[in-house]
Protein backbone atom coordinates (compact mmCIF):
# COMPACT_ATOMS: atom_id res chain seq x y z
CA MET A 1 -23.59 -14.43 18.66
CA GLU A 2 -25.12 -15.19 15.41
CA GLY A 3 -25.79 -18.86 14.87
CA THR A 4 -25.67 -19.88 18.62
CA GLY A 5 -29.05 -18.36 19.85
CA GLU A 6 -27.24 -16.64 22.63
CA LEU A 7 -26.32 -12.88 23.10
CA SER A 8 -22.82 -12.40 24.20
CA THR A 9 -22.05 -8.86 25.70
CA ARG A 10 -18.96 -7.08 26.59
CA THR A 11 -18.47 -3.94 28.61
CA PHE A 12 -16.11 -1.13 27.40
CA PHE A 13 -15.00 1.91 29.38
CA ALA A 14 -14.10 5.25 28.09
CA ASP A 15 -12.41 8.19 29.83
CA GLU A 16 -12.09 11.79 28.44
CA ILE A 17 -8.46 12.92 28.77
CA THR A 18 -7.46 16.62 28.91
CA VAL A 19 -4.25 17.14 26.95
CA ASP A 20 -4.09 20.98 26.85
CA GLY A 21 -7.23 23.11 27.34
CA THR A 22 -10.49 22.05 25.43
CA ASN A 23 -9.12 21.49 21.90
CA GLY A 24 -8.97 18.02 20.46
CA VAL A 25 -5.85 16.10 19.65
CA LYS A 26 -5.22 14.99 15.94
CA TYR A 27 -2.42 12.38 16.42
CA ILE A 28 -1.63 9.90 19.28
CA SER A 29 0.96 7.30 19.73
CA ILE A 30 2.37 4.93 22.75
CA HIS A 31 6.02 5.40 23.34
CA ASP A 32 8.08 4.13 26.19
CA HIS A 33 5.45 3.86 28.80
CA HIS A 34 3.81 7.29 27.70
CA LEU A 35 0.86 8.35 25.63
CA ILE A 36 2.01 10.80 23.24
CA ALA A 37 -0.34 13.44 21.60
CA SER A 38 0.08 16.27 19.05
CA GLY A 39 -2.00 18.26 16.57
CA VAL A 40 -3.71 20.38 19.18
CA ALA A 41 -5.59 23.00 17.19
CA ASP A 42 -4.12 26.16 18.92
CA ASN A 43 -0.72 24.64 19.31
CA LEU A 44 0.31 22.71 16.19
CA ASN A 45 4.09 22.68 16.91
CA ALA A 46 3.82 20.95 20.28
CA VAL A 47 4.14 17.32 21.26
CA TYR A 48 2.66 16.28 24.71
CA TYR A 49 3.55 13.31 26.79
CA SER A 50 1.78 11.86 29.85
CA SER A 51 3.21 10.76 33.00
CA TYR A 52 4.97 7.39 33.14
CA ASN A 53 2.57 4.56 33.06
CA SER A 54 -0.47 6.88 33.19
CA PRO A 55 -1.93 7.58 29.83
CA THR A 56 -4.60 9.82 31.21
CA ASP A 57 -2.35 12.23 33.13
CA PHE A 58 -0.91 15.01 31.14
CA SER A 59 -0.24 17.38 34.21
CA GLY A 60 1.41 15.14 36.82
CA SER A 61 4.94 14.22 37.42
CA GLY A 62 6.88 13.06 34.35
CA ALA A 63 4.40 14.59 31.94
CA GLY A 64 5.35 17.70 29.78
CA SER A 65 5.66 19.05 26.27
CA VAL A 66 8.30 19.97 23.93
CA VAL A 67 7.84 22.59 20.87
CA ILE A 68 9.41 22.53 17.61
CA SER A 69 9.73 25.36 14.93
CA ASP A 70 7.58 23.50 12.38
CA GLN A 71 3.88 22.34 12.26
CA ILE A 72 3.79 18.69 13.28
CA GLN A 73 2.00 16.30 10.81
CA GLY A 74 2.44 12.89 12.74
CA ILE A 75 4.23 10.99 15.34
CA LYS A 76 5.39 7.35 15.57
CA GLY A 77 7.63 5.33 18.16
CA PHE A 78 10.70 4.02 16.37
CA ARG A 79 12.99 1.78 18.43
CA GLU A 80 14.15 3.96 21.54
CA ASN A 81 13.20 7.27 19.94
CA LEU A 82 9.80 8.97 19.09
CA ILE A 83 9.99 10.30 15.52
CA VAL A 84 8.19 13.45 14.93
CA PHE A 85 7.07 14.33 11.43
CA ALA A 86 6.59 17.95 10.48
CA LYS A 87 5.61 19.75 7.28
CA ASN A 88 9.20 20.68 6.33
CA SER A 89 11.35 18.62 8.69
CA ILE A 90 11.68 15.57 10.71
CA HIS A 91 12.85 15.31 14.35
CA LYS A 92 13.33 12.66 17.14
CA LEU A 93 12.41 13.11 20.77
CA ILE A 94 15.00 11.27 23.03
CA ASN A 95 15.30 10.56 26.68
CA ILE A 96 11.64 10.94 27.43
CA ASN A 97 11.98 9.38 30.81
CA ASP A 98 15.00 11.65 32.03
CA THR A 99 13.48 15.18 32.68
CA GLN A 100 16.92 16.77 32.73
CA ASN A 101 18.00 15.58 29.31
CA ILE A 102 14.88 15.25 27.26
CA ARG A 103 15.31 16.98 24.11
CA ILE A 104 14.38 17.16 20.45
CA ASP A 105 17.01 16.53 17.74
CA PRO A 106 16.53 16.91 13.98
CA ILE A 107 16.89 14.26 11.61
CA THR A 108 16.58 16.46 8.45
CA GLU A 109 15.33 19.99 7.84
CA ASN A 110 14.88 19.27 4.22
CA VAL A 111 12.23 16.60 3.98
CA GLY A 112 8.88 16.75 5.50
CA CYS A 113 5.73 14.68 5.77
CA LEU A 114 2.43 15.57 3.94
CA SER A 115 0.09 13.33 5.98
CA GLY A 116 0.50 11.67 9.36
CA TYR A 117 -1.93 9.04 8.26
CA SER A 118 0.48 7.66 5.79
CA ILE A 119 3.01 6.75 8.53
CA GLN A 120 3.36 3.09 8.90
CA GLU A 121 6.06 0.63 10.42
CA PHE A 122 7.12 -1.83 7.75
CA GLY A 123 9.90 -4.36 7.83
CA GLY A 124 11.63 -2.51 10.71
CA ASP A 125 11.42 0.93 9.03
CA LEU A 126 8.95 3.83 9.40
CA VAL A 127 7.22 4.50 5.72
CA PHE A 128 5.66 7.91 5.20
CA LEU A 129 4.55 10.30 2.30
CA ALA A 130 7.01 12.89 1.69
CA PRO A 131 6.69 15.76 -1.07
CA ASP A 132 9.11 13.93 -3.28
CA GLY A 133 7.76 10.55 -2.83
CA ILE A 134 7.29 7.70 -0.34
CA ARG A 135 10.40 7.35 1.97
CA THR A 136 11.57 5.42 4.72
CA VAL A 137 13.13 6.38 8.04
CA ALA A 138 15.61 3.58 8.88
CA ALA A 139 18.48 3.49 11.68
CA THR A 140 21.81 2.90 10.16
CA ALA A 141 24.60 0.75 11.49
CA ARG A 142 26.23 3.71 13.29
CA ILE A 143 24.71 4.27 16.73
CA GLY A 144 22.26 7.04 16.92
CA ASP A 145 22.31 7.76 13.06
CA THR A 146 19.19 7.76 10.93
CA GLU A 147 18.87 7.31 7.29
CA LEU A 148 16.26 8.60 4.82
CA SER A 149 15.68 7.06 1.42
CA SER A 150 12.95 7.16 -1.27
CA ILE A 151 11.24 3.92 -2.48
CA SER A 152 8.75 5.11 -4.93
CA ARG A 153 10.85 6.31 -7.98
CA GLN A 154 9.04 4.04 -10.38
CA ILE A 155 5.70 5.79 -9.80
CA GLN A 156 6.79 9.47 -9.48
CA SER A 157 4.04 10.65 -11.99
CA ILE A 158 1.28 9.14 -9.61
CA ILE A 159 3.08 10.56 -6.57
CA ARG A 160 3.09 14.13 -8.23
CA ASP A 161 -0.68 13.94 -8.87
CA LEU A 162 -1.43 12.88 -5.20
CA ASN A 163 0.76 15.62 -3.75
CA SER A 164 -0.62 18.27 -6.00
CA GLY A 165 -4.05 17.54 -4.56
CA ILE A 166 -3.12 16.66 -1.03
CA THR A 167 -5.36 19.16 0.78
CA ASP A 168 -8.47 17.62 -1.12
CA TYR A 169 -7.86 14.15 -0.03
CA VAL A 170 -8.61 11.88 2.94
CA ILE A 171 -5.77 9.71 3.28
CA ASP A 172 -5.23 6.41 5.32
CA SER A 173 -2.82 3.56 5.08
CA CYS A 174 -1.87 0.22 6.58
CA VAL A 175 0.54 -2.69 6.25
CA ILE A 176 -0.49 -6.06 4.92
CA ARG A 177 2.05 -8.32 6.83
CA GLU A 178 1.15 -11.66 5.09
CA LYS A 179 1.68 -9.94 1.60
CA SER A 180 4.68 -7.64 2.56
CA GLN A 181 2.65 -4.75 1.34
CA TYR A 182 2.31 -1.14 2.20
CA ARG A 183 -1.05 0.31 1.00
CA LEU A 184 -2.13 3.95 0.74
CA PHE A 185 -5.49 5.06 -0.16
CA TYR A 186 -6.80 8.51 -1.00
CA SER A 187 -10.16 10.01 -2.04
CA GLY A 188 -12.02 13.32 -1.91
CA PRO A 189 -14.50 13.63 1.12
CA ASN A 190 -17.41 13.75 -1.35
CA ALA A 191 -16.11 11.71 -4.10
CA THR A 192 -17.93 8.46 -5.32
CA ILE A 193 -16.30 5.15 -4.24
CA ALA A 194 -15.78 4.13 -7.91
CA ASN A 195 -13.30 7.16 -8.19
CA ALA A 196 -11.31 6.41 -4.99
CA LEU A 197 -7.69 5.83 -5.63
CA GLY A 198 -4.73 4.01 -3.91
CA ILE A 199 -1.22 2.67 -4.40
CA ILE A 200 0.22 -0.66 -3.11
CA GLY A 201 3.95 -1.23 -2.66
CA THR A 202 5.03 -4.84 -2.44
CA PHE A 203 8.46 -5.63 -0.92
CA THR A 204 10.14 -8.24 -2.89
CA GLY A 205 13.14 -8.62 -0.56
CA GLU A 206 15.38 -6.08 -2.57
CA ASN A 207 13.00 -3.21 -3.54
CA PHE A 208 9.41 -2.26 -3.78
CA GLU A 209 7.14 -3.13 -6.86
CA TRP A 210 4.21 -0.67 -7.06
CA SER A 211 0.69 -0.87 -8.38
CA GLU A 212 -2.38 1.54 -8.47
CA THR A 213 -5.91 0.70 -7.28
CA GLN A 214 -9.30 2.29 -7.88
CA GLY A 215 -12.50 1.64 -6.41
CA ILE A 216 -11.63 1.24 -2.67
CA GLN A 217 -12.55 4.22 -0.55
CA ALA A 218 -10.70 3.65 2.70
CA PHE A 219 -11.50 6.54 4.98
CA GLY A 220 -10.82 4.20 7.86
CA LEU A 221 -8.18 1.41 7.56
CA SER A 222 -7.09 -0.98 9.98
CA SER A 223 -4.68 -4.14 9.93
CA THR A 224 -4.56 -6.30 13.12
CA ILE A 225 -3.85 -9.87 14.36
CA ASP A 226 -6.91 -11.47 15.87
CA TYR A 227 -6.97 -14.03 18.94
CA ASN A 228 -6.25 -16.79 16.71
CA GLY A 229 -2.98 -15.29 15.25
CA LEU A 230 -4.64 -14.33 11.70
CA GLU A 231 -4.16 -11.10 10.11
CA LYS A 232 -7.57 -9.29 9.64
CA VAL A 233 -7.92 -6.03 7.60
CA TYR A 234 -11.04 -3.89 7.49
CA HIS A 235 -11.78 -0.42 5.90
CA GLY A 236 -14.85 1.89 6.14
CA ASP A 237 -16.08 4.30 3.40
CA LYS A 238 -18.09 7.60 3.45
CA ASP A 239 -21.39 5.67 3.32
CA GLY A 240 -20.69 4.05 6.66
CA TYR A 241 -20.01 0.60 5.47
CA ILE A 242 -17.29 -1.68 7.13
CA TYR A 243 -15.64 -4.06 4.59
CA ASN A 244 -13.31 -7.15 4.76
CA HIS A 245 -10.56 -5.33 3.03
CA ASN A 246 -8.48 -8.24 1.84
CA LYS A 247 -11.20 -10.84 1.32
CA GLY A 248 -13.43 -12.05 -1.63
CA THR A 249 -13.24 -11.85 -5.48
CA SER A 250 -15.43 -8.84 -6.04
CA PHE A 251 -15.88 -5.26 -4.92
CA TYR A 252 -19.11 -4.64 -2.66
CA SER A 253 -20.06 -1.04 -3.35
CA GLU A 254 -23.33 0.76 -3.01
CA GLY A 255 -25.36 -2.38 -2.14
CA SER A 256 -24.10 -4.56 -5.06
CA SER A 257 -21.39 -6.73 -6.06
CA GLN A 258 -18.95 -5.36 -8.62
CA ASN A 259 -16.37 -6.90 -10.86
CA ILE A 260 -12.74 -6.37 -10.14
CA THR A 261 -10.80 -4.89 -12.99
CA ALA A 262 -7.05 -5.89 -13.07
CA ILE A 263 -4.43 -4.73 -15.48
CA TYR A 264 -0.73 -5.57 -15.73
CA GLU A 265 1.16 -3.95 -18.70
CA THR A 266 4.77 -3.96 -19.61
CA ALA A 267 6.92 -1.17 -20.93
CA ASP A 268 7.66 -1.10 -24.87
CA LEU A 269 10.32 -3.65 -25.35
CA ASP A 270 12.91 -3.31 -28.15
CA PHE A 271 15.07 -6.31 -27.13
CA GLY A 272 18.26 -4.48 -27.16
CA ASP A 273 18.05 -3.42 -30.94
CA ILE A 274 15.10 -0.88 -31.92
CA GLY A 275 16.17 -0.92 -35.43
CA THR A 276 15.45 -4.48 -36.10
CA ARG A 277 11.75 -5.57 -36.98
CA LYS A 278 10.60 -8.55 -34.84
CA THR A 279 7.77 -10.91 -35.91
CA LEU A 280 6.41 -12.60 -32.79
CA LYS A 281 5.60 -16.32 -32.93
CA TYR A 282 4.34 -17.12 -29.38
CA VAL A 283 4.23 -15.71 -25.82
CA ARG A 284 4.74 -17.88 -22.82
CA THR A 285 3.12 -16.33 -19.60
CA SER A 286 3.91 -17.35 -16.11
CA PHE A 287 0.95 -17.06 -13.76
CA SER A 288 0.32 -17.67 -9.99
CA PRO A 289 -3.52 -18.30 -9.90
CA GLU A 290 -5.42 -18.87 -6.80
CA GLY A 291 -8.29 -20.54 -8.66
CA GLU A 292 -9.70 -20.56 -12.25
CA ILE A 293 -8.90 -17.34 -14.30
CA THR A 294 -9.46 -16.28 -17.90
CA PRO A 295 -7.27 -13.13 -18.50
CA THR A 296 -6.81 -11.50 -21.83
CA LEU A 297 -3.60 -10.80 -23.59
CA ARG A 298 -3.18 -7.76 -25.64
CA ILE A 299 -0.11 -6.99 -27.90
CA ARG A 300 0.81 -3.58 -29.30
CA TYR A 301 3.68 -2.84 -31.58
CA ASP A 302 5.72 0.25 -32.19
CA TYR A 303 4.52 2.30 -29.22
CA LYS A 304 0.93 1.64 -29.93
CA SER A 305 1.13 3.14 -33.33
CA THR A 306 -2.24 3.83 -35.12
CA ASP A 307 -0.37 3.35 -38.54
CA LEU A 308 -0.16 -0.45 -37.81
CA LEU A 309 -2.84 -3.08 -37.97
CA GLN A 310 -2.68 -3.98 -34.38
CA PRO A 311 -3.58 -7.67 -33.64
CA PRO A 312 -6.88 -8.42 -31.74
CA ASP A 313 -6.97 -9.37 -28.09
CA ILE A 314 -6.43 -12.98 -27.27
CA ASN A 315 -8.43 -14.90 -24.46
CA ILE A 316 -6.09 -17.09 -22.43
CA THR A 317 -8.04 -20.39 -21.30
CA GLY A 318 -7.24 -23.57 -20.00
CA ILE A 319 -4.66 -22.35 -17.41
CA PRO A 320 -3.81 -25.47 -15.43
CA LEU A 321 -4.46 -25.54 -11.65
CA PRO A 322 -2.22 -27.56 -9.38
CA ALA A 323 -3.70 -30.58 -7.41
CA ILE A 324 -2.81 -29.52 -3.73
CA PHE A 325 -3.47 -32.36 -1.28
CA GLY A 326 -6.40 -31.66 0.86
CA GLU A 327 -7.93 -29.02 -1.30
CA ALA A 328 -8.05 -30.31 -4.73
CA VAL A 329 -11.32 -31.59 -6.28
CA PHE A 330 -10.98 -34.75 -8.60
CA GLY A 331 -11.65 -33.70 -12.14
CA THR A 332 -10.98 -29.90 -11.77
CA ALA A 333 -7.18 -29.86 -11.02
CA THR A 334 -4.08 -31.09 -12.82
CA PHE A 335 -2.01 -33.84 -11.21
CA GLY A 336 1.67 -32.79 -10.78
CA GLY A 337 0.78 -29.30 -11.99
CA THR A 338 2.98 -26.55 -10.64
CA ASN A 339 1.85 -23.53 -8.47
CA ASP A 340 3.14 -21.18 -11.24
CA PRO A 341 2.00 -22.43 -14.64
CA MET A 342 3.32 -21.20 -17.76
CA VAL A 343 0.93 -20.91 -20.64
CA ARG A 344 1.92 -20.85 -24.27
CA THR A 345 -0.05 -18.53 -26.47
CA ILE A 346 0.41 -18.21 -30.33
CA VAL A 347 0.39 -14.64 -31.44
CA GLN A 348 0.74 -12.59 -34.62
CA GLY A 349 2.17 -9.35 -35.78
CA SER A 350 5.55 -7.49 -36.07
CA GLY A 351 7.14 -4.39 -35.09
CA ASN A 352 10.34 -2.81 -33.78
CA THR A 353 8.95 -2.61 -30.27
CA VAL A 354 6.25 -4.67 -28.55
CA SER A 355 4.34 -4.23 -25.22
CA LEU A 356 2.12 -6.76 -23.56
CA ARG A 357 -0.95 -6.24 -21.40
CA ILE A 358 -2.77 -8.72 -19.19
CA ARG A 359 -6.41 -7.89 -18.18
CA THR A 360 -9.20 -9.25 -16.26
CA ASP A 361 -12.75 -7.86 -15.41
CA ASP A 362 -14.59 -10.35 -13.57
CA LYS A 363 -15.26 -11.96 -10.20
CA ASN A 364 -12.86 -14.81 -10.63
CA PHE A 365 -9.95 -15.71 -8.46
CA PRO A 366 -6.77 -13.46 -7.77
CA TYR A 367 -3.63 -14.28 -9.57
CA ALA A 368 -0.19 -12.73 -10.07
CA VAL A 369 1.68 -12.28 -13.37
CA ASN A 370 5.29 -13.49 -12.73
CA GLY A 371 6.64 -12.86 -16.36
CA PHE A 372 6.90 -13.49 -20.05
CA TYR A 373 8.87 -15.34 -22.56
CA LEU A 374 8.75 -14.07 -25.99
CA ASP A 375 9.79 -16.04 -29.06
CA TYR A 376 10.27 -13.85 -32.11
CA MET A 377 12.11 -13.89 -35.58
CA PRO A 378 14.16 -10.99 -36.90
CA SER A 379 12.55 -9.75 -40.07
CA GLY A 380 14.86 -7.04 -41.42
CA ARG A 381 16.22 -3.59 -40.60
CA ARG A 382 15.52 -0.14 -41.60
């Protein structure tokens, strides 16, 4: 290996498996000691399963297939059942080890899956891309019952755009365990990396918070735990590069390091009374920085009205970094500082509504925006 002066080798074995004739298989999964396969080109409605504890044998004892009335889009083991996602319906394969009672039961005939590569297990549920948004398949408290629910209502406009061009995109997804995130990326096969898009759902314990990404073209995406018990995430693009997906403070694209542009923007806030004009005095912003950052604060009044003289952007500097024992460097950290410093910024301007935007375009450390506190003075009604 590099750095040791020695060459370490490993031997890998490969075996060609015949599932059904000579056509390739699109989706595979492991479930209850069987290798499951579907998406065979000339039989798109069939699910094939191998013999018990024999993943290469699709013709021996215990092997077989079942056919549904809908084109299969993906398969995933979920607890004791195999969930079969089709274009317009979702089913579950049960009793796979009981040849007399094996069967397919419908979960729903009204919701389908748009891409098998969007299916991930997250927090004990299965997450997938449906025509009306990102949904979960969850087992309810009633034995044998299954619940479907949507988790992406906040980003329905993005989902509509994604679904309208679904046939033009290469889609892949993964789960980032340490961040409690579901990530889905989509890009045209010939699109530039800069135009590749993605969405990230972060589970907060009660619901999902969503954000949109641009500039990560993940045609292949994998998240796994290494032999040290650490989570590693990699992705590959159309140019054949393999990237550390979740590491570093810049994008590496087309042979050079690129800035990361990050934007967080609030809705237009009226503070419960849109008829009162408010004059802002200062804004306190709570950050969770992982290192030195210099974000820019932009304030816009009255739904970004062009009839108002909007205030200039403000660079937020001097965000204190906490002194963490064993990591802090003397003279660069703040003794007794908090992990989530709140920075006070004097602002100007007035309006009936106000929106705030935090923006960075650099190669500095990551950060999170936790929230804002706004101090204002009522200045009349009309």
